[in-house]
Amino acid sequence: MPLPQVQFITKEGGCSLCDELFVELESARDYVDFDLEILKIEQNDELYKQYWDKIPVIIVNGKLAVKYRATRDELIKKIKGRSGWKFW
């Protein structure tokens, strides 16, 4: 089975929400495998038009999964695609 494809859309420096969400995303990697692509919003006009007011954004397998904030457990659910998964 192929790994989930995760895109993390962020901006160049100075984004505390981006930093916080990335820490949660990295923590999720301890529990679920996925391919991660980090995209800088300033480097892509289409991403900028679509998400400039929503970053940080996480897209899983081509679908918007998270914007602004999420916990590690919420990210795991989104990446695994199961709403019933819980860490504890």
N, C-alpha and C. Protein backbone atom coordinates (compact mmCIF):
# COMPACT_ATOMS: atom_id res chain seq x y z
N MET A 1 0.84 -1.18 0.00
CA MET A 1 0.00 0.00 0.00
C MET A 1 0.89 1.25 0.00
N PRO A 2 0.62 2.21 -0.89
CA PRO A 2 1.46 3.41 -0.95
C PRO A 2 1.27 4.30 0.29
N LEU A 3 2.32 5.00 0.61
CA LEU A 3 2.26 5.91 1.75
C LEU A 3 1.39 7.11 1.44
N PRO A 4 0.70 7.65 2.46
CA PRO A 4 -0.05 8.88 2.24
C PRO A 4 0.90 10.01 1.81
N GLN A 5 0.41 10.86 0.92
CA GLN A 5 1.18 12.00 0.44
C GLN A 5 0.72 13.24 1.20
N VAL A 6 1.63 13.83 1.96
CA VAL A 6 1.31 14.99 2.78
C VAL A 6 2.09 16.20 2.27
N GLN A 7 1.36 17.28 2.04
CA GLN A 7 1.99 18.54 1.65
C GLN A 7 1.77 19.54 2.78
N PHE A 8 2.85 20.14 3.22
CA PHE A 8 2.80 21.16 4.26
C PHE A 8 3.07 22.49 3.59
N ILE A 9 2.05 23.36 3.57
CA ILE A 9 2.18 24.66 2.92
C ILE A 9 2.44 25.69 4.00
N THR A 10 3.56 26.37 3.87
CA THR A 10 4.02 27.32 4.87
C THR A 10 4.55 28.56 4.17
N LYS A 11 5.14 29.46 4.93
CA LYS A 11 5.75 30.63 4.32
C LYS A 11 7.17 30.79 4.84
N GLU A 12 7.91 31.63 4.18
CA GLU A 12 9.29 31.88 4.58
C GLU A 12 9.31 32.59 5.93
N GLY A 13 9.96 32.00 6.92
CA GLY A 13 10.22 32.60 8.22
C GLY A 13 9.12 33.43 8.86
N GLY A 14 9.19 33.56 10.17
CA GLY A 14 8.31 34.44 10.90
C GLY A 14 6.86 34.01 11.01
N CYS A 15 6.58 32.72 11.03
CA CYS A 15 5.21 32.23 11.14
C CYS A 15 5.13 31.27 12.33
N SER A 16 4.67 31.78 13.47
CA SER A 16 4.62 30.94 14.67
C SER A 16 3.61 29.80 14.52
N LEU A 17 2.48 30.05 13.85
CA LEU A 17 1.52 28.97 13.62
C LEU A 17 2.13 27.86 12.77
N CYS A 18 2.91 28.26 11.76
CA CYS A 18 3.58 27.28 10.89
C CYS A 18 4.55 26.43 11.72
N ASP A 19 5.33 27.09 12.55
CA ASP A 19 6.30 26.38 13.39
C ASP A 19 5.60 25.39 14.32
N GLU A 20 4.51 25.84 14.95
CA GLU A 20 3.77 24.98 15.88
C GLU A 20 3.18 23.77 15.17
N LEU A 21 2.58 23.99 14.00
CA LEU A 21 1.96 22.88 13.27
C LEU A 21 3.01 21.91 12.76
N PHE A 22 4.17 22.43 12.35
CA PHE A 22 5.23 21.54 11.88
C PHE A 22 5.73 20.63 13.00
N VAL A 23 5.83 21.15 14.22
CA VAL A 23 6.24 20.32 15.36
C VAL A 23 5.23 19.18 15.56
N GLU A 24 3.95 19.49 15.47
CA GLU A 24 2.91 18.45 15.62
C GLU A 24 3.00 17.44 14.48
N LEU A 25 3.26 17.91 13.27
CA LEU A 25 3.39 17.02 12.11
C LEU A 25 4.58 16.08 12.27
N GLU A 26 5.69 16.60 12.71
CA GLU A 26 6.87 15.77 12.94
C GLU A 26 6.61 14.75 14.05
N SER A 27 5.87 15.14 15.07
CA SER A 27 5.51 14.22 16.15
C SER A 27 4.61 13.09 15.63
N ALA A 28 3.74 13.43 14.70
CA ALA A 28 2.84 12.41 14.11
C ALA A 28 3.64 11.34 13.37
N ARG A 29 4.80 11.72 12.87
CA ARG A 29 5.64 10.75 12.13
C ARG A 29 6.10 9.59 13.01
N ASP A 30 6.07 9.75 14.31
CA ASP A 30 6.42 8.65 15.21
C ASP A 30 5.35 7.56 15.20
N TYR A 31 4.16 7.87 14.68
CA TYR A 31 3.02 6.95 14.76
C TYR A 31 2.46 6.54 13.41
N VAL A 32 2.77 7.29 12.38
CA VAL A 32 2.25 6.97 11.05
C VAL A 32 3.30 7.38 10.00
N ASP A 33 3.48 6.52 9.00
CA ASP A 33 4.43 6.81 7.92
C ASP A 33 3.72 7.59 6.82
N PHE A 34 4.42 8.58 6.28
CA PHE A 34 3.88 9.34 5.16
C PHE A 34 5.03 10.04 4.43
N ASP A 35 4.78 10.35 3.17
CA ASP A 35 5.73 11.14 2.38
C ASP A 35 5.39 12.61 2.59
N LEU A 36 6.38 13.41 2.94
CA LEU A 36 6.15 14.82 3.24
C LEU A 36 6.82 15.70 2.20
N GLU A 37 6.07 16.66 1.69
CA GLU A 37 6.58 17.68 0.79
C GLU A 37 6.29 19.04 1.43
N ILE A 38 7.32 19.84 1.61
CA ILE A 38 7.15 21.17 2.20
C ILE A 38 7.15 22.19 1.07
N LEU A 39 6.08 22.98 1.01
CA LEU A 39 5.91 23.96 -0.05
C LEU A 39 5.87 25.36 0.56
N LYS A 40 6.64 26.27 0.00
CA LYS A 40 6.65 27.67 0.44
C LYS A 40 5.65 28.44 -0.41
N ILE A 41 4.68 29.06 0.25
CA ILE A 41 3.57 29.71 -0.45
C ILE A 41 4.04 30.83 -1.37
N GLU A 42 5.12 31.51 -1.00
CA GLU A 42 5.61 32.61 -1.83
C GLU A 42 6.20 32.14 -3.15
N GLN A 43 6.53 30.88 -3.26
CA GLN A 43 7.18 30.35 -4.46
C GLN A 43 6.20 29.78 -5.48
N ASN A 44 4.90 29.86 -5.21
CA ASN A 44 3.91 29.27 -6.10
C ASN A 44 2.69 30.18 -6.16
N ASP A 45 2.47 30.82 -7.29
CA ASP A 45 1.35 31.77 -7.43
C ASP A 45 0.00 31.12 -7.16
N GLU A 46 -0.19 29.90 -7.63
CA GLU A 46 -1.47 29.22 -7.45
C GLU A 46 -1.73 28.93 -5.96
N LEU A 47 -0.72 28.43 -5.28
CA LEU A 47 -0.87 28.19 -3.83
C LEU A 47 -1.13 29.50 -3.10
N TYR A 48 -0.44 30.54 -3.51
CA TYR A 48 -0.62 31.84 -2.86
C TYR A 48 -2.07 32.31 -3.02
N LYS A 49 -2.62 32.24 -4.22
CA LYS A 49 -4.00 32.67 -4.47
C LYS A 49 -4.98 31.86 -3.63
N GLN A 50 -4.73 30.57 -3.52
CA GLN A 50 -5.67 29.68 -2.86
C GLN A 50 -5.56 29.69 -1.33
N TYR A 51 -4.35 29.84 -0.80
CA TYR A 51 -4.14 29.64 0.64
C TYR A 51 -3.50 30.79 1.39
N TRP A 52 -3.26 31.95 0.80
CA TRP A 52 -2.50 33.00 1.45
C TRP A 52 -3.05 33.39 2.81
N ASP A 53 -4.36 33.29 3.01
CA ASP A 53 -4.97 33.68 4.29
C ASP A 53 -5.29 32.49 5.18
N LYS A 54 -4.79 31.31 4.82
CA LYS A 54 -5.13 30.09 5.57
C LYS A 54 -3.92 29.36 6.12
N ILE A 55 -2.70 29.81 5.84
CA ILE A 55 -1.52 29.06 6.23
C ILE A 55 -1.33 29.08 7.74
N PRO A 56 -0.74 28.05 8.26
CA PRO A 56 -0.24 26.87 7.57
C PRO A 56 -1.38 25.95 7.14
N VAL A 57 -1.13 25.22 6.07
CA VAL A 57 -2.11 24.30 5.50
C VAL A 57 -1.44 22.94 5.32
N ILE A 58 -2.22 21.89 5.59
CA ILE A 58 -1.76 20.53 5.31
C ILE A 58 -2.76 19.88 4.36
N ILE A 59 -2.23 19.36 3.28
CA ILE A 59 -3.03 18.64 2.29
C ILE A 59 -2.60 17.18 2.34
N VAL A 60 -3.59 16.29 2.45
CA VAL A 60 -3.31 14.86 2.49
C VAL A 60 -3.94 14.22 1.27
N ASN A 61 -3.10 13.58 0.47
CA ASN A 61 -3.56 12.91 -0.75
C ASN A 61 -4.43 13.82 -1.62
N GLY A 62 -3.99 15.08 -1.74
CA GLY A 62 -4.67 16.02 -2.61
C GLY A 62 -5.86 16.74 -2.03
N LYS A 63 -6.21 16.47 -0.78
CA LYS A 63 -7.38 17.09 -0.16
C LYS A 63 -6.96 17.91 1.05
N LEU A 64 -7.56 19.09 1.19
CA LEU A 64 -7.29 19.94 2.33
C LEU A 64 -7.65 19.19 3.61
N ALA A 65 -6.70 19.05 4.50
CA ALA A 65 -6.92 18.32 5.74
C ALA A 65 -6.90 19.23 6.96
N VAL A 66 -6.01 20.22 6.95
CA VAL A 66 -5.83 21.09 8.12
C VAL A 66 -5.46 22.48 7.66
N LYS A 67 -6.00 23.47 8.36
CA LYS A 67 -5.50 24.82 8.21
C LYS A 67 -5.36 25.42 9.61
N TYR A 68 -4.35 26.20 9.79
CA TYR A 68 -4.01 26.90 11.03
C TYR A 68 -3.41 25.99 12.10
N ARG A 69 -4.24 25.16 12.76
CA ARG A 69 -3.76 24.40 13.91
C ARG A 69 -4.32 22.97 13.90
N ALA A 70 -3.55 22.07 14.51
CA ALA A 70 -4.02 20.69 14.74
C ALA A 70 -3.06 20.05 15.75
N THR A 71 -3.59 19.11 16.49
CA THR A 71 -2.75 18.35 17.40
C THR A 71 -2.15 17.16 16.66
N ARG A 72 -1.20 16.54 17.28
CA ARG A 72 -0.59 15.34 16.69
C ARG A 72 -1.66 14.29 16.41
N ASP A 73 -2.54 14.04 17.38
CA ASP A 73 -3.56 13.01 17.20
C ASP A 73 -4.54 13.36 16.07
N GLU A 74 -4.89 14.64 15.95
CA GLU A 74 -5.76 15.06 14.84
C GLU A 74 -5.07 14.83 13.50
N LEU A 75 -3.79 15.12 13.45
CA LEU A 75 -3.04 14.90 12.21
C LEU A 75 -2.96 13.42 11.86
N ILE A 76 -2.74 12.58 12.85
CA ILE A 76 -2.68 11.14 12.61
C ILE A 76 -4.00 10.66 12.02
N LYS A 77 -5.12 11.12 12.57
CA LYS A 77 -6.44 10.75 12.04
C LYS A 77 -6.59 11.17 10.59
N LYS A 78 -6.19 12.40 10.30
CA LYS A 78 -6.32 12.91 8.93
C LYS A 78 -5.44 12.13 7.97
N ILE A 79 -4.22 11.83 8.39
CA ILE A 79 -3.28 11.13 7.51
C ILE A 79 -3.69 9.67 7.31
N LYS A 80 -4.12 9.02 8.37
CA LYS A 80 -4.56 7.63 8.26
C LYS A 80 -5.92 7.50 7.60
N GLY A 81 -6.71 8.58 7.65
CA GLY A 81 -8.03 8.54 7.03
C GLY A 81 -9.07 7.80 7.83
N ARG A 82 -8.82 7.67 9.13
CA ARG A 82 -9.79 7.01 10.00
C ARG A 82 -10.16 7.96 11.13
N SER A 83 -11.43 8.20 11.30
CA SER A 83 -11.86 9.14 12.34
C SER A 83 -11.85 8.48 13.73
N GLY A 84 -11.77 7.18 13.79
CA GLY A 84 -11.83 6.51 15.08
C GLY A 84 -10.50 6.28 15.75
N TRP A 85 -9.40 6.66 15.14
CA TRP A 85 -8.07 6.42 15.74
C TRP A 85 -7.84 7.36 16.89
N LYS A 86 -7.33 6.86 17.98
CA LYS A 86 -6.98 7.67 19.13
C LYS A 86 -5.70 7.14 19.74
N PHE A 87 -4.85 8.03 20.17
CA PHE A 87 -3.55 7.65 20.70
C PHE A 87 -3.71 6.84 21.99
N TRP A 88 -4.55 7.27 22.89
CA TRP A 88 -4.68 6.60 24.20
C TRP A 88 -5.67 5.48 24.15
